[in-house]
Amino acid sequence: MRWQEFSVQCPELAAAARDRFVADQLVLLGTIRSDGAPRLSPCEVDFAADELMLGMMWRSRKALDLRRDPRLAVLSLPAGKDNPGGDVKLDGRAVEVADPDLRERYCQAIEARIAWHPTGDYHLFVLDVERAATVRFDPADGMMTVRRWRPGTEVSTERRPG
């Protein structure tokens, strides 16, 4: 489901993801190489037109991966080994954006964020969310809290030793 619907279906994890991704401005993107091996790449994310957007350099390996196989994982950047902000992970599929209006709205969002916008060719994808999770470690009690969600379910919360 697209970001706007995800935000309605699972507001708790959508808000955590949005806050984290906006603050970090960068995520780890997991794609699948042509030989089936995983590829991890840094990727900037932006929110525009109620979508989570992933812009990429023209013909970059990660963009070509997604054009061939749209499955992906988006993971927040850990802030050190203790990672006090926890992790946010979204799994889903990339949908390439051809719509000129949506591409323009992406350009406006990125320009507002970093006073730059793409010129020439570039790849742009929106995320269809299929699963979401957060993990947070509490050093005070040594426990880890894991929250998980899939479409059609409530958020499940599990606390266990970290």
N, C-alpha and C. Protein backbone atom coordinates (compact mmCIF):
# COMPACT_ATOMS: atom_id res chain seq x y z
N MET A 1 0.84 -1.18 0.00
CA MET A 1 0.00 0.00 0.00
C MET A 1 0.88 1.24 0.00
N ARG A 2 0.39 2.27 -0.61
CA ARG A 2 1.16 3.51 -0.71
C ARG A 2 1.23 4.19 0.64
N TRP A 3 2.13 5.18 0.75
CA TRP A 3 2.43 5.81 2.03
C TRP A 3 1.20 6.39 2.72
N GLN A 4 0.36 7.07 1.99
CA GLN A 4 -0.81 7.70 2.61
C GLN A 4 -1.71 6.65 3.26
N GLU A 5 -1.96 5.55 2.58
CA GLU A 5 -2.79 4.49 3.15
C GLU A 5 -2.09 3.83 4.34
N PHE A 6 -0.79 3.60 4.22
CA PHE A 6 -0.01 3.05 5.33
C PHE A 6 -0.13 3.95 6.56
N SER A 7 -0.06 5.26 6.35
CA SER A 7 -0.17 6.21 7.46
C SER A 7 -1.52 6.13 8.17
N VAL A 8 -2.56 5.79 7.42
CA VAL A 8 -3.89 5.63 8.00
C VAL A 8 -4.01 4.27 8.69
N GLN A 9 -3.52 3.22 8.04
CA GLN A 9 -3.64 1.87 8.58
C GLN A 9 -2.74 1.64 9.79
N CYS A 10 -1.58 2.27 9.80
CA CYS A 10 -0.59 2.04 10.86
C CYS A 10 0.08 3.35 11.26
N PRO A 11 -0.69 4.28 11.86
CA PRO A 11 -0.15 5.61 12.12
C PRO A 11 1.06 5.61 13.07
N GLU A 12 1.09 4.71 14.00
CA GLU A 12 2.18 4.65 14.99
C GLU A 12 3.54 4.39 14.31
N LEU A 13 3.61 3.37 13.48
CA LEU A 13 4.88 3.05 12.83
C LEU A 13 5.17 4.00 11.67
N ALA A 14 4.14 4.48 11.00
CA ALA A 14 4.35 5.45 9.92
C ALA A 14 4.95 6.73 10.48
N ALA A 15 4.46 7.19 11.62
CA ALA A 15 5.01 8.41 12.24
C ALA A 15 6.44 8.19 12.67
N ALA A 16 6.74 7.02 13.25
CA ALA A 16 8.12 6.73 13.67
C ALA A 16 9.05 6.71 12.46
N ALA A 17 8.61 6.10 11.37
CA ALA A 17 9.43 6.04 10.16
C ALA A 17 9.63 7.42 9.57
N ARG A 18 8.55 8.17 9.45
CA ARG A 18 8.65 9.51 8.86
C ARG A 18 9.58 10.40 9.68
N ASP A 19 9.40 10.41 11.00
CA ASP A 19 10.26 11.23 11.86
C ASP A 19 11.72 10.86 11.69
N ARG A 20 11.99 9.58 11.69
CA ARG A 20 13.37 9.12 11.59
C ARG A 20 13.97 9.43 10.23
N PHE A 21 13.22 9.15 9.17
CA PHE A 21 13.76 9.36 7.82
C PHE A 21 13.95 10.84 7.52
N VAL A 22 13.05 11.68 8.00
CA VAL A 22 13.21 13.13 7.80
C VAL A 22 14.43 13.63 8.56
N ALA A 23 14.62 13.17 9.78
CA ALA A 23 15.77 13.61 10.59
C ALA A 23 17.08 13.14 9.97
N ASP A 24 17.14 11.88 9.54
CA ASP A 24 18.39 11.32 9.01
C ASP A 24 18.66 11.75 7.57
N GLN A 25 17.61 11.95 6.77
CA GLN A 25 17.66 12.30 5.35
C GLN A 25 18.30 11.21 4.49
N LEU A 26 18.70 10.12 5.10
CA LEU A 26 19.39 9.05 4.39
C LEU A 26 18.97 7.73 5.00
N VAL A 27 18.80 6.71 4.16
CA VAL A 27 18.47 5.37 4.63
C VAL A 27 19.42 4.38 3.98
N LEU A 28 19.39 3.16 4.49
CA LEU A 28 20.01 2.05 3.79
C LEU A 28 18.92 1.39 2.96
N LEU A 29 19.21 1.17 1.69
CA LEU A 29 18.26 0.58 0.77
C LEU A 29 18.77 -0.80 0.40
N GLY A 30 17.95 -1.80 0.63
CA GLY A 30 18.28 -3.16 0.23
C GLY A 30 17.55 -3.50 -1.05
N THR A 31 18.31 -3.93 -2.06
CA THR A 31 17.74 -4.36 -3.34
C THR A 31 18.30 -5.74 -3.66
N ILE A 32 17.84 -6.31 -4.76
CA ILE A 32 18.29 -7.64 -5.17
C ILE A 32 19.04 -7.52 -6.48
N ARG A 33 20.30 -7.94 -6.49
CA ARG A 33 21.11 -7.90 -7.70
C ARG A 33 20.60 -8.91 -8.73
N SER A 34 21.08 -8.80 -9.95
CA SER A 34 20.62 -9.70 -11.01
C SER A 34 20.98 -11.16 -10.73
N ASP A 35 22.04 -11.40 -9.94
CA ASP A 35 22.39 -12.78 -9.60
C ASP A 35 21.69 -13.28 -8.34
N GLY A 36 20.78 -12.46 -7.78
CA GLY A 36 20.02 -12.86 -6.60
C GLY A 36 20.65 -12.46 -5.28
N ALA A 37 21.87 -11.94 -5.32
CA ALA A 37 22.55 -11.51 -4.10
C ALA A 37 21.97 -10.17 -3.62
N PRO A 38 22.04 -9.93 -2.31
CA PRO A 38 21.55 -8.64 -1.81
C PRO A 38 22.52 -7.50 -2.11
N ARG A 39 21.96 -6.31 -2.25
CA ARG A 39 22.78 -5.10 -2.39
C ARG A 39 22.28 -4.09 -1.37
N LEU A 40 23.17 -3.51 -0.57
CA LEU A 40 22.84 -2.42 0.35
C LEU A 40 23.47 -1.15 -0.17
N SER A 41 22.66 -0.10 -0.23
CA SER A 41 23.14 1.18 -0.75
C SER A 41 22.56 2.31 0.09
N PRO A 42 23.32 3.39 0.29
CA PRO A 42 22.70 4.57 0.90
C PRO A 42 21.76 5.20 -0.12
N CYS A 43 20.70 5.81 0.38
CA CYS A 43 19.74 6.46 -0.51
C CYS A 43 19.05 7.58 0.24
N GLU A 44 18.93 8.74 -0.38
CA GLU A 44 18.16 9.83 0.21
C GLU A 44 16.68 9.57 -0.01
N VAL A 45 15.88 9.97 0.99
CA VAL A 45 14.43 9.83 0.88
C VAL A 45 13.79 11.19 1.08
N ASP A 46 12.66 11.39 0.44
CA ASP A 46 11.89 12.61 0.62
C ASP A 46 10.42 12.26 0.63
N PHE A 47 9.63 13.07 1.34
CA PHE A 47 8.19 12.91 1.36
C PHE A 47 7.58 14.05 0.56
N ALA A 48 6.75 13.68 -0.41
CA ALA A 48 6.05 14.67 -1.23
C ALA A 48 4.78 14.02 -1.74
N ALA A 49 3.72 14.80 -1.84
CA ALA A 49 2.45 14.32 -2.38
C ALA A 49 1.97 13.08 -1.64
N ASP A 50 2.17 13.05 -0.32
CA ASP A 50 1.77 11.90 0.51
C ASP A 50 2.42 10.60 0.06
N GLU A 51 3.64 10.69 -0.41
CA GLU A 51 4.40 9.51 -0.84
C GLU A 51 5.79 9.54 -0.22
N LEU A 52 6.34 8.36 0.04
CA LEU A 52 7.75 8.22 0.40
C LEU A 52 8.49 7.99 -0.91
N MET A 53 9.39 8.93 -1.26
CA MET A 53 10.05 8.90 -2.56
C MET A 53 11.54 8.63 -2.42
N LEU A 54 12.03 7.85 -3.36
CA LEU A 54 13.44 7.48 -3.42
C LEU A 54 13.98 7.91 -4.77
N GLY A 55 14.83 8.93 -4.77
CA GLY A 55 15.43 9.41 -6.00
C GLY A 55 16.82 8.80 -6.17
N MET A 56 17.18 8.49 -7.41
CA MET A 56 18.46 7.83 -7.68
C MET A 56 19.09 8.35 -8.96
N MET A 57 20.41 8.32 -8.97
CA MET A 57 21.13 8.73 -10.18
C MET A 57 20.73 7.83 -11.34
N TRP A 58 20.75 8.43 -12.52
CA TRP A 58 20.38 7.73 -13.73
C TRP A 58 21.27 6.50 -13.92
N ARG A 59 20.62 5.35 -14.09
CA ARG A 59 21.26 4.07 -14.37
C ARG A 59 22.17 3.60 -13.22
N SER A 60 21.92 4.08 -12.01
CA SER A 60 22.67 3.55 -10.87
C SER A 60 22.30 2.08 -10.69
N ARG A 61 23.20 1.32 -10.09
CA ARG A 61 22.96 -0.12 -9.90
C ARG A 61 21.69 -0.37 -9.09
N LYS A 62 21.48 0.42 -8.03
CA LYS A 62 20.29 0.19 -7.20
C LYS A 62 19.01 0.47 -7.99
N ALA A 63 19.02 1.50 -8.84
CA ALA A 63 17.85 1.80 -9.67
C ALA A 63 17.59 0.68 -10.67
N LEU A 64 18.65 0.17 -11.27
CA LEU A 64 18.48 -0.94 -12.23
C LEU A 64 17.99 -2.20 -11.51
N ASP A 65 18.48 -2.42 -10.29
CA ASP A 65 17.97 -3.54 -9.49
C ASP A 65 16.46 -3.42 -9.35
N LEU A 66 15.98 -2.23 -8.97
CA LEU A 66 14.55 -2.04 -8.71
C LEU A 66 13.72 -2.11 -9.98
N ARG A 67 14.28 -1.71 -11.09
CA ARG A 67 13.54 -1.82 -12.35
C ARG A 67 13.36 -3.28 -12.74
N ARG A 68 14.34 -4.10 -12.40
CA ARG A 68 14.27 -5.52 -12.72
C ARG A 68 13.45 -6.30 -11.70
N ASP A 69 13.63 -5.98 -10.41
CA ASP A 69 12.92 -6.67 -9.32
C ASP A 69 12.57 -5.60 -8.29
N PRO A 70 11.30 -5.24 -8.15
CA PRO A 70 10.93 -4.09 -7.33
C PRO A 70 10.99 -4.33 -5.81
N ARG A 71 11.27 -5.55 -5.37
CA ARG A 71 11.31 -5.80 -3.92
C ARG A 71 12.46 -5.03 -3.28
N LEU A 72 12.17 -4.46 -2.10
CA LEU A 72 13.19 -3.67 -1.42
C LEU A 72 12.97 -3.67 0.08
N ALA A 73 13.99 -3.25 0.78
CA ALA A 73 13.91 -2.97 2.22
C ALA A 73 14.53 -1.60 2.43
N VAL A 74 13.90 -0.81 3.29
CA VAL A 74 14.40 0.52 3.65
C VAL A 74 14.65 0.50 5.15
N LEU A 75 15.87 0.81 5.56
CA LEU A 75 16.26 0.74 6.96
C LEU A 75 16.87 2.06 7.40
N SER A 76 16.45 2.53 8.58
CA SER A 76 17.05 3.75 9.14
C SER A 76 18.52 3.51 9.43
N LEU A 77 19.28 4.58 9.45
CA LEU A 77 20.72 4.48 9.74
C LEU A 77 20.94 4.36 11.25
N PRO A 78 21.67 3.35 11.69
CA PRO A 78 21.96 3.25 13.12
C PRO A 78 22.86 4.40 13.57
N ALA A 79 22.57 4.92 14.74
CA ALA A 79 23.36 6.04 15.29
C ALA A 79 24.38 5.50 16.29
N GLY A 80 25.20 4.59 15.87
CA GLY A 80 26.20 3.99 16.75
C GLY A 80 25.74 2.63 17.24
N LYS A 81 26.63 1.94 17.95
CA LYS A 81 26.33 0.57 18.36
C LYS A 81 25.18 0.47 19.34
N ASP A 82 24.94 1.48 20.17
CA ASP A 82 23.81 1.46 21.09
C ASP A 82 22.53 1.95 20.44
N ASN A 83 22.64 2.68 19.36
CA ASN A 83 21.52 3.12 18.53
C ASN A 83 20.33 3.60 19.37
N PRO A 84 20.49 4.70 20.11
CA PRO A 84 19.43 5.13 21.03
C PRO A 84 18.10 5.44 20.35
N GLY A 85 18.09 5.79 19.09
CA GLY A 85 16.84 6.06 18.39
C GLY A 85 16.15 4.81 17.88
N GLY A 86 16.82 3.68 17.98
CA GLY A 86 16.25 2.43 17.48
C GLY A 86 16.31 2.34 15.97
N ASP A 87 15.76 1.26 15.47
CA ASP A 87 15.73 1.00 14.03
C ASP A 87 14.30 1.09 13.52
N VAL A 88 14.18 1.54 12.28
CA VAL A 88 12.90 1.50 11.56
C VAL A 88 13.18 0.75 10.27
N LYS A 89 12.33 -0.23 9.95
CA LYS A 89 12.51 -0.99 8.72
C LYS A 89 11.17 -1.12 8.01
N LEU A 90 11.18 -0.83 6.72
CA LEU A 90 10.02 -1.01 5.87
C LEU A 90 10.38 -1.95 4.74
N ASP A 91 9.53 -2.93 4.48
CA ASP A 91 9.69 -3.81 3.34
C ASP A 91 8.56 -3.53 2.37
N GLY A 92 8.84 -3.68 1.10
CA GLY A 92 7.79 -3.46 0.13
C GLY A 92 8.30 -3.57 -1.29
N ARG A 93 7.68 -2.78 -2.14
CA ARG A 93 8.02 -2.78 -3.57
C ARG A 93 8.15 -1.34 -4.06
N ALA A 94 9.08 -1.15 -4.95
CA ALA A 94 9.29 0.15 -5.57
C ALA A 94 8.39 0.27 -6.80
N VAL A 95 7.79 1.45 -6.94
CA VAL A 95 6.97 1.75 -8.12
C VAL A 95 7.62 2.95 -8.79
N GLU A 96 8.08 2.77 -10.02
CA GLU A 96 8.74 3.87 -10.72
C GLU A 96 7.73 4.96 -11.07
N VAL A 97 8.15 6.20 -10.91
CA VAL A 97 7.29 7.36 -11.13
C VAL A 97 7.60 7.99 -12.48
N ALA A 98 6.59 8.01 -13.34
CA ALA A 98 6.71 8.68 -14.63
C ALA A 98 5.89 9.96 -14.68
N ASP A 99 4.89 10.08 -13.81
CA ASP A 99 3.98 11.22 -13.81
C ASP A 99 4.74 12.53 -13.63
N PRO A 100 4.66 13.46 -14.59
CA PRO A 100 5.42 14.71 -14.50
C PRO A 100 5.07 15.56 -13.27
N ASP A 101 3.80 15.58 -12.88
CA ASP A 101 3.39 16.35 -11.71
C ASP A 101 4.03 15.80 -10.44
N LEU A 102 4.01 14.50 -10.29
CA LEU A 102 4.61 13.87 -9.12
C LEU A 102 6.13 14.07 -9.11
N ARG A 103 6.74 13.99 -10.26
CA ARG A 103 8.19 14.22 -10.34
C ARG A 103 8.52 15.67 -9.97
N GLU A 104 7.68 16.61 -10.40
CA GLU A 104 7.89 18.02 -10.05
C GLU A 104 7.73 18.23 -8.55
N ARG A 105 6.76 17.58 -7.95
CA ARG A 105 6.56 17.71 -6.51
C ARG A 105 7.74 17.13 -5.74
N TYR A 106 8.34 16.06 -6.26
CA TYR A 106 9.57 15.52 -5.67
C TYR A 106 10.69 16.56 -5.76
N CYS A 107 10.85 17.16 -6.93
CA CYS A 107 11.89 18.18 -7.10
C CYS A 107 11.70 19.34 -6.12
N GLN A 108 10.47 19.76 -5.91
CA GLN A 108 10.19 20.83 -4.95
C GLN A 108 10.55 20.40 -3.53
N ALA A 109 10.27 19.17 -3.18
CA ALA A 109 10.59 18.67 -1.82
C ALA A 109 12.09 18.60 -1.60
N ILE A 110 12.81 18.08 -2.57
CA ILE A 110 14.26 17.96 -2.39
C ILE A 110 14.91 19.34 -2.40
N GLU A 111 14.39 20.25 -3.22
CA GLU A 111 14.95 21.61 -3.24
C GLU A 111 14.69 22.32 -1.90
N ALA A 112 13.54 22.10 -1.31
CA ALA A 112 13.25 22.70 0.00
C ALA A 112 14.17 22.13 1.08
N ARG A 113 14.55 20.87 0.94
CA ARG A 113 15.39 20.22 1.95
C ARG A 113 16.86 20.61 1.82
N ILE A 114 17.39 20.65 0.59
CA ILE A 114 18.84 20.86 0.44
C ILE A 114 19.21 21.94 -0.57
N ALA A 115 18.25 22.76 -1.00
CA ALA A 115 18.51 23.86 -1.94
C ALA A 115 19.18 23.37 -3.22
N TRP A 116 18.73 22.24 -3.70
CA TRP A 116 19.22 21.65 -4.95
C TRP A 116 18.10 20.81 -5.53
N HIS A 117 18.07 20.65 -6.82
CA HIS A 117 17.13 19.71 -7.42
C HIS A 117 17.79 19.02 -8.60
N PRO A 118 17.29 17.82 -8.91
CA PRO A 118 17.91 17.07 -10.00
C PRO A 118 17.74 17.77 -11.34
N THR A 119 18.74 17.63 -12.16
CA THR A 119 18.66 18.09 -13.55
C THR A 119 18.98 16.89 -14.43
N GLY A 120 18.49 16.88 -15.61
CA GLY A 120 18.73 15.75 -16.49
C GLY A 120 17.94 14.54 -16.04
N ASP A 121 18.36 13.39 -16.51
CA ASP A 121 17.66 12.16 -16.19
C ASP A 121 17.98 11.68 -14.79
N TYR A 122 16.99 11.11 -14.15
CA TYR A 122 17.16 10.47 -12.84
C TYR A 122 16.02 9.48 -12.66
N HIS A 123 16.21 8.53 -11.78
CA HIS A 123 15.17 7.57 -11.46
C HIS A 123 14.44 8.05 -10.21
N LEU A 124 13.13 7.82 -10.18
CA LEU A 124 12.33 8.17 -9.02
C LEU A 124 11.34 7.04 -8.78
N PHE A 125 11.30 6.59 -7.53
CA PHE A 125 10.41 5.51 -7.12
C PHE A 125 9.62 5.96 -5.90
N VAL A 126 8.40 5.45 -5.77
CA VAL A 126 7.65 5.55 -4.53
C VAL A 126 7.60 4.15 -3.93
N LEU A 127 7.35 4.11 -2.63
CA LEU A 127 7.35 2.84 -1.92
C LEU A 127 5.93 2.35 -1.68
N ASP A 128 5.67 1.11 -2.07
CA ASP A 128 4.47 0.40 -1.66
C ASP A 128 4.86 -0.42 -0.43
N VAL A 129 4.31 -0.07 0.73
CA VAL A 129 4.70 -0.71 1.99
C VAL A 129 3.96 -2.03 2.15
N GLU A 130 4.71 -3.08 2.45
CA GLU A 130 4.13 -4.41 2.70
C GLU A 130 4.32 -4.87 4.14
N ARG A 131 5.35 -4.36 4.81
CA ARG A 131 5.63 -4.70 6.21
C ARG A 131 6.38 -3.54 6.83
N ALA A 132 6.23 -3.39 8.14
CA ALA A 132 6.96 -2.35 8.87
C ALA A 132 7.35 -2.90 10.24
N ALA A 133 8.47 -2.41 10.74
CA ALA A 133 8.91 -2.83 12.08
C ALA A 133 9.80 -1.74 12.68
N THR A 134 9.78 -1.68 14.00
CA THR A 134 10.75 -0.86 14.74
C THR A 134 11.36 -1.75 15.82
N VAL A 135 12.62 -1.47 16.12
CA VAL A 135 13.33 -2.18 17.19
C VAL A 135 14.04 -1.13 18.02
N ARG A 136 13.86 -1.22 19.32
CA ARG A 136 14.52 -0.27 20.22
C ARG A 136 15.06 -1.02 21.42
N PHE A 137 16.34 -0.77 21.73
CA PHE A 137 17.01 -1.40 22.85
C PHE A 137 17.05 -0.42 24.03
N ASP A 138 16.68 -0.89 25.21
CA ASP A 138 16.70 -0.07 26.41
C ASP A 138 17.87 -0.53 27.29
N PRO A 139 18.97 0.23 27.31
CA PRO A 139 20.13 -0.20 28.10
C PRO A 139 19.86 -0.22 29.60
N ALA A 140 18.85 0.50 30.06
CA ALA A 140 18.55 0.54 31.49
C ALA A 140 18.13 -0.84 32.02
N ASP A 141 17.33 -1.56 31.21
CA ASP A 141 16.88 -2.87 31.68
C ASP A 141 17.34 -4.01 30.77
N GLY A 142 18.10 -3.69 29.72
CA GLY A 142 18.62 -4.73 28.84
C GLY A 142 17.56 -5.36 27.95
N MET A 143 16.40 -4.72 27.85
CA MET A 143 15.31 -5.29 27.04
C MET A 143 15.24 -4.61 25.67
N MET A 144 14.73 -5.37 24.73
CA MET A 144 14.53 -4.88 23.38
C MET A 144 13.02 -4.90 23.11
N THR A 145 12.51 -3.83 22.52
CA THR A 145 11.10 -3.76 22.15
C THR A 145 11.00 -3.81 20.63
N VAL A 146 10.26 -4.78 20.14
CA VAL A 146 10.06 -4.96 18.70
C VAL A 146 8.59 -4.76 18.41
N ARG A 147 8.30 -3.85 17.48
CA ARG A 147 6.92 -3.62 17.02
C ARG A 147 6.86 -3.99 15.54
N ARG A 148 5.87 -4.81 15.19
CA ARG A 148 5.74 -5.29 13.81
C ARG A 148 4.33 -5.05 13.30
N TRP A 149 4.24 -4.85 11.96
CA TRP A 149 2.94 -4.66 11.33
C TRP A 149 2.97 -5.22 9.92
N ARG A 150 1.84 -5.79 9.53
CA ARG A 150 1.55 -6.19 8.15
C ARG A 150 0.14 -5.73 7.82
N PRO A 151 -0.17 -5.49 6.55
CA PRO A 151 -1.53 -5.06 6.21
C PRO A 151 -2.58 -6.04 6.76
N GLY A 152 -3.65 -5.45 7.27
CA GLY A 152 -4.74 -6.25 7.80
C GLY A 152 -4.54 -6.72 9.23
N THR A 153 -3.45 -6.29 9.87
CA THR A 153 -3.18 -6.70 11.25
C THR A 153 -2.98 -5.46 12.11
N GLU A 154 -3.07 -5.66 13.40
CA GLU A 154 -2.72 -4.63 14.37
C GLU A 154 -1.21 -4.68 14.59
N VAL A 155 -0.64 -3.62 15.13
CA VAL A 155 0.77 -3.63 15.49
C VAL A 155 0.97 -4.60 16.64
N SER A 156 1.92 -5.50 16.50
CA SER A 156 2.25 -6.39 17.62
C SER A 156 3.50 -5.85 18.29
N THR A 157 3.54 -5.97 19.61
CA THR A 157 4.67 -5.50 20.39
C THR A 157 5.22 -6.66 21.20
N GLU A 158 6.52 -6.83 21.13
CA GLU A 158 7.19 -7.90 21.87
C GLU A 158 8.39 -7.29 22.61
N ARG A 159 8.48 -7.62 23.89
CA ARG A 159 9.67 -7.22 24.67
C ARG A 159 10.43 -8.49 25.02
N ARG A 160 11.74 -8.44 24.78
CA ARG A 160 12.57 -9.60 25.08
C ARG A 160 13.96 -9.14 25.43
N PRO A 161 14.75 -10.00 26.06
CA PRO A 161 16.13 -9.59 26.37
C PRO A 161 16.88 -9.23 25.12
N GLY A 162 17.64 -8.15 25.20
CA GLY A 162 18.39 -7.66 24.05
C GLY A 162 19.71 -8.31 24.00
